[in-house]
C-alpha atoms as a PDB file:
ATOM      1  CA  MET A   1     -30.358  -1.800 -18.106  1.00  0.00           C
ATOM      2  CA  ALA A   2     -27.751  -1.236 -15.843  1.00  0.00           C
ATOM      3  CA  THR A   3     -27.297  -1.244 -12.220  1.00  0.00           C
ATOM      4  CA  LYS A   4     -26.751   2.144 -11.151  1.00  0.00           C
ATOM      5  CA  MET A   5     -24.016   2.252  -8.487  1.00  0.00           C
ATOM      6  CA  THR A   6     -24.471   3.930  -5.129  1.00  0.00           C
ATOM      7  CA  PRO A   7     -23.078   4.265  -1.905  1.00  0.00           C
ATOM      8  CA  GLN A   8     -24.945   1.113  -0.832  1.00  0.00           C
ATOM      9  CA  ASN A   9     -24.117  -1.529  -3.981  1.00  0.00           C
ATOM     10  CA  VAL A  10     -20.986  -0.451  -4.788  1.00  0.00           C
ATOM     11  CA  PRO A  11     -18.401  -3.022  -4.164  1.00  0.00           C
ATOM     12  CA  VAL A  12     -16.190  -2.518  -1.132  1.00  0.00           C
ATOM     13  CA  LEU A  13     -13.398  -4.282  -3.525  1.00  0.00           C
ATOM     14  CA  TYR A  14     -12.891  -4.611  -7.377  1.00  0.00           C
ATOM     15  CA  PHE A  15      -9.552  -5.853  -8.954  1.00  0.00           C
ATOM     16  CA  GLU A  16      -9.854  -5.327 -12.573  1.00  0.00           C
ATOM     17  CA  ASN A  17      -7.397  -7.156 -14.499  1.00  0.00           C
ATOM     18  CA  VAL A  18      -4.378  -6.692 -12.439  1.00  0.00           C
ATOM     19  CA  THR A  19      -1.282  -7.818 -13.219  1.00  0.00           C
ATOM     20  CA  LYS A  20       2.014  -7.525 -10.874  1.00  0.00           C
ATOM     21  CA  VAL A  21       5.500  -7.772 -12.634  1.00  0.00           C
ATOM     22  CA  TYR A  22       8.907  -7.490 -10.803  1.00  0.00           C
ATOM     23  CA  ASP A  23      12.223  -7.212 -12.281  1.00  0.00           C
ATOM     24  CA  ASP A  24      10.238  -7.804 -16.368  1.00  0.00           C
ATOM     25  CA  SER A  25       9.669 -11.517 -15.509  1.00  0.00           C
ATOM     26  CA  ASN A  26       8.483 -12.046 -12.228  1.00  0.00           C
ATOM     27  CA  ILE A  27       4.848 -12.513 -12.532  1.00  0.00           C
ATOM     28  CA  VAL A  28       3.337 -12.239  -8.647  1.00  0.00           C
ATOM     29  CA  LEU A  29       0.006 -11.615 -10.112  1.00  0.00           C
ATOM     30  CA  ASN A  30      -1.562 -12.428 -13.339  1.00  0.00           C
ATOM     31  CA  ASP A  31      -4.469 -10.816 -14.533  1.00  0.00           C
ATOM     32  CA  ILE A  32      -6.653 -10.953 -11.290  1.00  0.00           C
ATOM     33  CA  ASP A  33     -10.464 -10.263 -11.841  1.00  0.00           C
ATOM     34  CA  LEU A  34     -12.009 -10.033  -8.291  1.00  0.00           C
ATOM     35  CA  VAL A  35     -14.919  -8.171  -6.599  1.00  0.00           C
ATOM     36  CA  ILE A  36     -16.018  -8.140  -2.809  1.00  0.00           C
ATOM     37  CA  GLU A  37     -19.211  -6.984  -1.619  1.00  0.00           C
ATOM     38  CA  GLN A  38     -19.971  -4.701   1.211  1.00  0.00           C
ATOM     39  CA  GLY A  39     -20.582  -6.908   4.299  1.00  0.00           C
ATOM     40  CA  GLU A  40     -18.935 -10.330   2.526  1.00  0.00           C
ATOM     41  CA  PHE A  41     -16.690 -12.513   4.626  1.00  0.00           C
ATOM     42  CA  VAL A  42     -13.848 -13.898   2.095  1.00  0.00           C
ATOM     43  CA  SER A  43     -10.781 -16.520   3.103  1.00  0.00           C
ATOM     44  CA  LEU A  44      -8.036 -15.724   1.302  1.00  0.00           C
ATOM     45  CA  VAL A  45      -6.135 -18.740   0.897  1.00  0.00           C
ATOM     46  CA  GLY A  46      -3.033 -20.435  -1.385  1.00  0.00           C
ATOM     47  CA  PRO A  47       0.728 -21.660  -0.859  1.00  0.00           C
ATOM     48  CA  SER A  48       3.576 -19.496  -0.276  1.00  0.00           C
ATOM     49  CA  GLY A  49       4.565 -17.062  -2.852  1.00  0.00           C
ATOM     50  CA  ALA A  50       0.887 -17.270  -4.365  1.00  0.00           C
ATOM     51  CA  GLY A  51       0.799 -14.086  -4.289  1.00  0.00           C
ATOM     52  CA  LYS A  52      -1.498 -13.341  -1.127  1.00  0.00           C
ATOM     53  CA  SER A  53       0.683 -10.610   0.303  1.00  0.00           C
ATOM     54  CA  THR A  54       1.343  -8.843  -2.833  1.00  0.00           C
ATOM     55  CA  LEU A  55      -2.492  -8.849  -3.411  1.00  0.00           C
ATOM     56  CA  ILE A  56      -3.031  -6.924   0.136  1.00  0.00           C
ATOM     57  CA  LYS A  57      -0.667  -4.259  -0.020  1.00  0.00           C
ATOM     58  CA  MET A  58      -2.399  -3.567  -3.423  1.00  0.00           C
ATOM     59  CA  ILE A  59      -5.477  -2.934  -0.948  1.00  0.00           C
ATOM     60  CA  TYR A  60      -3.292  -0.470   1.106  1.00  0.00           C
ATOM     61  CA  ALA A  61      -1.567   1.132  -2.051  1.00  0.00           C
ATOM     62  CA  GLU A  62       1.705   0.058  -0.817  1.00  0.00           C
ATOM     63  CA  GLU A  63       2.048  -1.811  -3.902  1.00  0.00           C
ATOM     64  CA  THR A  64       0.471  -0.611  -6.895  1.00  0.00           C
ATOM     65  CA  PRO A  65      -0.218  -3.082 -10.369  1.00  0.00           C
ATOM     66  CA  THR A  66       1.961  -2.991 -13.547  1.00  0.00           C
ATOM     67  CA  ASN A  67      -1.204  -3.626 -15.582  1.00  0.00           C
ATOM     68  CA  GLY A  68      -5.103  -2.927 -14.560  1.00  0.00           C
ATOM     69  CA  ARG A  69      -6.649  -1.094 -11.422  1.00  0.00           C
ATOM     70  CA  VAL A  70      -7.669  -1.503  -7.844  1.00  0.00           C
ATOM     71  CA  PHE A  71     -11.262  -0.100  -6.770  1.00  0.00           C
ATOM     72  CA  PHE A  72     -11.942   0.483  -3.072  1.00  0.00           C
ATOM     73  CA  MET A  73     -15.237   1.868  -2.291  1.00  0.00           C
ATOM     74  CA  GLY A  74     -15.557   2.843  -6.109  1.00  0.00           C
ATOM     75  CA  ARG A  75     -12.627   4.862  -5.903  1.00  0.00           C
ATOM     76  CA  ASP A  76      -9.231   3.918  -7.698  1.00  0.00           C
ATOM     77  CA  VAL A  77      -6.615   3.457  -4.906  1.00  0.00           C
ATOM     78  CA  ASN A  78      -3.625   3.885  -7.144  1.00  0.00           C
ATOM     79  CA  GLU A  79      -5.075   7.650  -7.960  1.00  0.00           C
ATOM     80  CA  ILE A  80      -5.119   8.602  -4.620  1.00  0.00           C
ATOM     81  CA  PRO A  81      -2.652  11.456  -3.901  1.00  0.00           C
ATOM     82  CA  ARG A  82       0.321  10.409  -1.463  1.00  0.00           C
ATOM     83  CA  LYS A  83      -0.275  13.342   1.253  1.00  0.00           C
ATOM     84  CA  HIS A  84      -3.400  11.798   1.409  1.00  0.00           C
ATOM     85  CA  LEU A  85      -3.301   7.836   2.077  1.00  0.00           C
ATOM     86  CA  PRO A  86      -3.130   8.364   5.570  1.00  0.00           C
ATOM     87  CA  PHE A  87      -6.699   9.166   5.382  1.00  0.00           C
ATOM     88  CA  TYR A  88      -7.704   6.615   2.932  1.00  0.00           C
ATOM     89  CA  ARG A  89      -6.048   4.104   4.815  1.00  0.00           C
ATOM     90  CA  ARG A  90      -8.132   4.641   7.747  1.00  0.00           C
ATOM     91  CA  ASN A  91     -11.584   3.130   6.335  1.00  0.00           C
ATOM     92  CA  ILE A  92      -9.174  -0.123   6.603  1.00  0.00           C
ATOM     93  CA  GLY A  93      -8.736  -1.765   9.603  1.00  0.00           C
ATOM     94  CA  ALA A  94      -5.581  -4.467   9.620  1.00  0.00           C
ATOM     95  CA  ILE A  95      -4.727  -7.447  11.519  1.00  0.00           C
ATOM     96  CA  PHE A  96      -1.512  -9.227  11.536  1.00  0.00           C
ATOM     97  CA  GLN A  97       0.107 -12.364  13.255  1.00  0.00           C
ATOM     98  CA  ASP A  98       2.025 -10.442  15.008  1.00  0.00           C
ATOM     99  CA  PHE A  99      -0.039  -8.080  17.304  1.00  0.00           C
ATOM    100  CA  LYS A 100       2.131  -4.931  16.876  1.00  0.00           C
ATOM    101  CA  LEU A 101       1.235  -3.764  19.928  1.00  0.00           C
ATOM    102  CA  LEU A 102       3.082  -0.819  21.715  1.00  0.00           C
ATOM    103  CA  PRO A 103       4.688  -2.652  24.804  1.00  0.00           C
ATOM    104  CA  GLN A 104       5.033   0.346  26.938  1.00  0.00           C
ATOM    105  CA  LYS A 105       1.484   1.650  26.525  1.00  0.00           C
ATOM    106  CA  THR A 106      -1.352   0.066  28.458  1.00  0.00           C
ATOM    107  CA  VAL A 107      -4.573  -1.869  26.305  1.00  0.00           C
ATOM    108  CA  PHE A 108      -6.414   1.429  26.418  1.00  0.00           C
ATOM    109  CA  GLU A 109      -3.554   3.943  25.335  1.00  0.00           C
ATOM    110  CA  ASN A 110      -2.819   0.899  22.523  1.00  0.00           C
ATOM    111  CA  VAL A 111      -6.504   1.801  21.103  1.00  0.00           C
ATOM    112  CA  ALA A 112      -6.536   5.522  21.828  1.00  0.00           C
ATOM    113  CA  TYR A 113      -3.090   5.944  20.171  1.00  0.00           C
ATOM    114  CA  ALA A 114      -4.656   5.726  16.450  1.00  0.00           C
ATOM    115  CA  LEU A 115      -7.457   8.582  17.504  1.00  0.00           C
ATOM    116  CA  GLU A 116      -4.710  10.987  19.672  1.00  0.00           C
ATOM    117  CA  VAL A 117      -2.738  10.683  15.878  1.00  0.00           C
ATOM    118  CA  ASP A 118      -5.939  11.873  14.539  1.00  0.00           C
ATOM    119  CA  GLY A 119      -6.467  14.661  16.945  1.00  0.00           C
ATOM    120  CA  LYS A 120      -9.291  13.532  19.018  1.00  0.00           C
ATOM    121  CA  SER A 121     -10.630  15.039  21.876  1.00  0.00           C
ATOM    122  CA  GLY A 122      -9.635  13.681  24.864  1.00  0.00           C
ATOM    123  CA  ALA A 123     -13.444  13.490  25.495  1.00  0.00           C
ATOM    124  CA  GLU A 124     -14.010  11.409  22.527  1.00  0.00           C
ATOM    125  CA  ILE A 125     -11.566   9.371  22.791  1.00  0.00           C
ATOM    126  CA  ALA A 126     -12.885   8.018  26.254  1.00  0.00           C
ATOM    127  CA  GLU A 127     -16.148   7.582  24.622  1.00  0.00           C
ATOM    128  CA  GLU A 128     -15.037   5.510  21.845  1.00  0.00           C
ATOM    129  CA  VAL A 129     -12.142   3.341  23.078  1.00  0.00           C
ATOM    130  CA  PRO A 130     -14.237   1.740  25.615  1.00  0.00           C
ATOM    131  CA  GLU A 131     -16.952   0.811  23.015  1.00  0.00           C
ATOM    132  CA  VAL A 132     -14.483  -1.115  21.044  1.00  0.00           C
ATOM    133  CA  LEU A 133     -12.692  -2.796  23.874  1.00  0.00           C
ATOM    134  CA  ASP A 134     -16.626  -3.726  25.535  1.00  0.00           C
ATOM    135  CA  LEU A 135     -16.986  -5.475  21.621  1.00  0.00           C
ATOM    136  CA  VAL A 136     -13.926  -7.199  21.929  1.00  0.00           C
ATOM    137  CA  GLY A 137     -14.600  -8.806  25.374  1.00  0.00           C
ATOM    138  CA  LEU A 138     -11.376  -6.311  27.199  1.00  0.00           C
ATOM    139  CA  ILE A 139     -13.145  -3.728  29.013  1.00  0.00           C
ATOM    140  CA  ASP A 140     -11.737  -5.023  32.263  1.00  0.00           C
ATOM    141  CA  LYS A 141      -8.081  -5.517  31.227  1.00  0.00           C
ATOM    142  CA  ALA A 142      -7.799  -1.488  29.769  1.00  0.00           C
ATOM    143  CA  THR A 143      -5.094  -0.653  32.315  1.00  0.00           C
ATOM    144  CA  HIS A 144      -3.329  -3.864  31.746  1.00  0.00           C
ATOM    145  CA  PHE A 145      -0.105  -3.822  29.284  1.00  0.00           C
ATOM    146  CA  PRO A 146       0.343  -6.047  26.703  1.00  0.00           C
ATOM    147  CA  HIS A 147       2.947  -8.740  28.520  1.00  0.00           C
ATOM    148  CA  ALA A 148       0.880  -9.155  30.948  1.00  0.00           C
ATOM    149  CA  LEU A 149      -2.466 -10.568  28.591  1.00  0.00           C
ATOM    150  CA  SER A 150      -2.495 -14.148  26.466  1.00  0.00           C
ATOM    151  CA  GLY A 151      -1.837 -13.848  22.751  1.00  0.00           C
ATOM    152  CA  GLY A 152      -5.480 -14.321  22.355  1.00  0.00           C
ATOM    153  CA  GLU A 153      -6.113 -10.679  24.372  1.00  0.00           C
ATOM    154  CA  GLN A 154      -3.607  -9.496  22.835  1.00  0.00           C
ATOM    155  CA  GLN A 155      -4.598 -10.436  19.669  1.00  0.00           C
ATOM    156  CA  ARG A 156      -8.553  -9.165  20.339  1.00  0.00           C
ATOM    157  CA  VAL A 157      -6.441  -5.564  21.759  1.00  0.00           C
ATOM    158  CA  ALA A 158      -5.212  -5.400  17.519  1.00  0.00           C
ATOM    159  CA  ILE A 159      -8.766  -6.128  16.625  1.00  0.00           C
ATOM    160  CA  ALA A 160     -10.331  -3.879  18.622  1.00  0.00           C
ATOM    161  CA  ARG A 161      -7.390  -0.626  17.781  1.00  0.00           C
ATOM    162  CA  ALA A 162      -8.425  -1.879  14.027  1.00  0.00           C
ATOM    163  CA  LEU A 163     -12.012  -0.857  14.647  1.00  0.00           C
ATOM    164  CA  ILE A 164     -11.398   2.161  16.248  1.00  0.00           C
ATOM    165  CA  HIS A 165     -12.046   4.372  12.809  1.00  0.00           C
ATOM    166  CA  ARG A 166     -15.268   1.925  11.987  1.00  0.00           C
ATOM    167  CA  PRO A 167     -13.423   1.047   9.043  1.00  0.00           C
ATOM    168  CA  LYS A 168     -15.706  -0.423   6.188  1.00  0.00           C
ATOM    169  CA  LEU A 169     -13.472  -3.279   5.778  1.00  0.00           C
ATOM    170  CA  ILE A 170     -10.776  -5.494   8.562  1.00  0.00           C
ATOM    171  CA  VAL A 171      -8.295  -7.020   6.487  1.00  0.00           C
ATOM    172  CA  ALA A 172      -6.498  -9.916   8.777  1.00  0.00           C
ATOM    173  CA  ASP A 173      -3.499 -11.271   7.440  1.00  0.00           C
ATOM    174  CA  GLU A 174      -2.796 -14.562   9.049  1.00  0.00           C
ATOM    175  CA  PRO A 175      -4.299 -13.353  12.914  1.00  0.00           C
ATOM    176  CA  THR A 176      -4.360 -16.575  14.596  1.00  0.00           C
ATOM    177  CA  GLY A 177      -0.940 -17.510  13.189  1.00  0.00           C
ATOM    178  CA  ASN A 178       0.544 -17.251  16.723  1.00  0.00           C
ATOM    179  CA  LEU A 179      -2.415 -18.678  18.405  1.00  0.00           C
ATOM    180  CA  ASP A 180      -3.514 -22.209  20.377  1.00  0.00           C
ATOM    181  CA  PRO A 181      -6.416 -23.891  19.067  1.00  0.00           C
ATOM    182  CA  TYR A 182      -8.841 -22.289  22.032  1.00  0.00           C
ATOM    183  CA  ALA A 183      -7.221 -19.021  21.246  1.00  0.00           C
ATOM    184  CA  THR A 184      -7.782 -19.376  17.363  1.00  0.00           C
ATOM    185  CA  ALA A 185     -11.854 -20.272  17.969  1.00  0.00           C
ATOM    186  CA  GLU A 186     -12.405 -16.887  19.811  1.00  0.00           C
ATOM    187  CA  ILE A 187     -10.468 -14.886  17.497  1.00  0.00           C
ATOM    188  CA  MET A 188     -12.401 -16.472  14.427  1.00  0.00           C
ATOM    189  CA  GLN A 189     -15.819 -15.985  16.163  1.00  0.00           C
ATOM    190  CA  LEU A 190     -15.221 -12.142  17.289  1.00  0.00           C
ATOM    191  CA  LEU A 191     -14.328 -11.741  13.052  1.00  0.00           C
ATOM    192  CA  LEU A 192     -17.488 -13.161  12.308  1.00  0.00           C
ATOM    193  CA  GLU A 193     -19.598 -11.436  15.350  1.00  0.00           C
ATOM    194  CA  ILE A 194     -17.629  -8.246  13.843  1.00  0.00           C
ATOM    195  CA  ASN A 195     -19.135  -9.224  10.080  1.00  0.00           C
ATOM    196  CA  LYS A 196     -22.723  -9.202  11.482  1.00  0.00           C
ATOM    197  CA  TYR A 197     -22.424  -5.532  11.995  1.00  0.00           C
ATOM    198  CA  HIS A 198     -21.915  -5.072   7.969  1.00  0.00           C
ATOM    199  CA  THR A 199     -18.184  -4.788   8.129  1.00  0.00           C
ATOM    200  CA  THR A 200     -16.209  -6.761   5.250  1.00  0.00           C
ATOM    201  CA  VAL A 201     -14.068  -8.988   6.911  1.00  0.00           C
ATOM    202  CA  LEU A 202     -11.082 -10.274   4.294  1.00  0.00           C
ATOM    203  CA  LEU A 203      -9.206 -13.158   5.926  1.00  0.00           C
ATOM    204  CA  ALA A 204      -5.923 -14.416   4.471  1.00  0.00           C
ATOM    205  CA  THR A 205      -4.611 -17.728   6.020  1.00  0.00           C
ATOM    206  CA  HIS A 206      -3.001 -20.923   5.802  1.00  0.00           C
ATOM    207  CA  ASN A 207      -4.904 -22.813   8.016  1.00  0.00           C
ATOM    208  CA  LYS A 208      -7.225 -25.119   6.097  1.00  0.00           C
ATOM    209  CA  GLY A 209      -9.578 -26.310   9.136  1.00  0.00           C
ATOM    210  CA  ILE A 210     -10.605 -22.141   9.991  1.00  0.00           C
ATOM    211  CA  VAL A 211     -11.575 -22.098   6.136  1.00  0.00           C
ATOM    212  CA  ASP A 212     -13.489 -25.126   6.594  1.00  0.00           C
ATOM    213  CA  ARG A 213     -15.748 -24.175   9.557  1.00  0.00           C
ATOM    214  CA  ILE A 214     -16.347 -20.654   8.630  1.00  0.00           C
ATOM    215  CA  GLY A 215     -18.200 -22.149   5.498  1.00  0.00           C
ATOM    216  CA  LYS A 216     -17.994 -18.835   3.562  1.00  0.00           C
ATOM    217  CA  ARG A 217     -16.274 -17.661   0.197  1.00  0.00           C
ATOM    218  CA  VAL A 218     -13.213 -18.442  -0.454  1.00  0.00           C
ATOM    219  CA  ILE A 219     -10.788 -17.248  -3.343  1.00  0.00           C
ATOM    220  CA  ALA A 220      -7.747 -19.166  -3.750  1.00  0.00           C
ATOM    221  CA  LEU A 221      -4.405 -17.714  -5.577  1.00  0.00           C
ATOM    222  CA  GLU A 222      -2.158 -20.395  -6.847  1.00  0.00           C
ATOM    223  CA  ASN A 223       1.104 -19.327  -8.665  1.00  0.00           C
ATOM    224  CA  GLY A 224      -0.005 -15.339  -8.969  1.00  0.00           C
ATOM    225  CA  SER A 225      -3.593 -16.320 -10.664  1.00  0.00           C
ATOM    226  CA  LEU A 226      -6.948 -17.243  -9.079  1.00  0.00           C
ATOM    227  CA  VAL A 227      -8.074 -20.362  -9.581  1.00  0.00           C
ATOM    228  CA  HIS A 228     -10.565 -20.382  -6.851  1.00  0.00           C
ATOM    229  CA  ASP A 229     -13.805 -18.924  -6.257  1.00  0.00           C
ATOM    230  CA  GLN A 230     -16.612 -20.219  -4.949  1.00  0.00           C
ATOM    231  CA  GLU A 231     -19.354 -19.269  -2.012  1.00  0.00           C
ATOM    232  CA  LYS A 232     -19.589 -21.931   1.038  1.00  0.00           C
ATOM    233  CA  SER A 233     -16.992 -24.177  -0.199  1.00  0.00           C
ATOM    234  CA  LYS A 234     -14.097 -26.349   1.075  1.00  0.00           C
ATOM    235  CA  TYR A 235     -10.831 -25.374  -0.174  1.00  0.00           C
ATOM    236  CA  PHE A 236      -8.285 -27.902   0.586  1.00  0.00           C
ATOM    237  CA  LEU A 237      -4.850 -25.856   0.461  1.00  0.00           C
ATOM    238  CA  SER A 238      -2.077 -27.113  -1.549  1.00  0.00           C
ATOM    239  CA  ASP A 239       0.981 -29.628   0.346  1.00  0.00           C
ATOM    240  CA  ARG A 240       3.088 -27.982  -2.966  1.00  0.00           C
END
């Protein structure tokens, strides 16, 4: 008997036979089948040019498959009308290597800006922003500007901003690429803590040490193909 799909057990992400071809011959992704369940922590690895960035862009509907389909929480991403994409993307918290903070705004204002764009009231903002700043350990830096923060603190602001809509999925694309080892360890611990609240985390990284220490599911791409998908395994990144 088939399992009935409910909001509780539908996968966060489902790539169904996804292929992406540029210029009729450049195959960037090749027949990708991939399921990421709610509450998972998954590391996405692979050498440069493996297809990681294209796969991530498909989650945001910035790229569309040449063949196949991408589903988010059971919904075909490419059937979402363009005018509804900003609303859809609020379900996905994005964290990048460059923190993308607004330098003229304080920590509080950087996080609040996402709510202001949504039309939230001042009272709602005053309640919700401190909650996420407390979660990332920056409540005491709320009035500071980005230039006064360390790299690790700036990335924690970016994480707070990603969390402000309480997304189903966090996509962290090389989030520790500009950080020292100590700050890297702090950010990874924070992402693991967030995952404990049943927020799905997809981490794209070149850092083999991070992947091995996490000890969770690893997905590897090489030359556009999925070559490794295993729970709690060590994956040694190719030097090729």
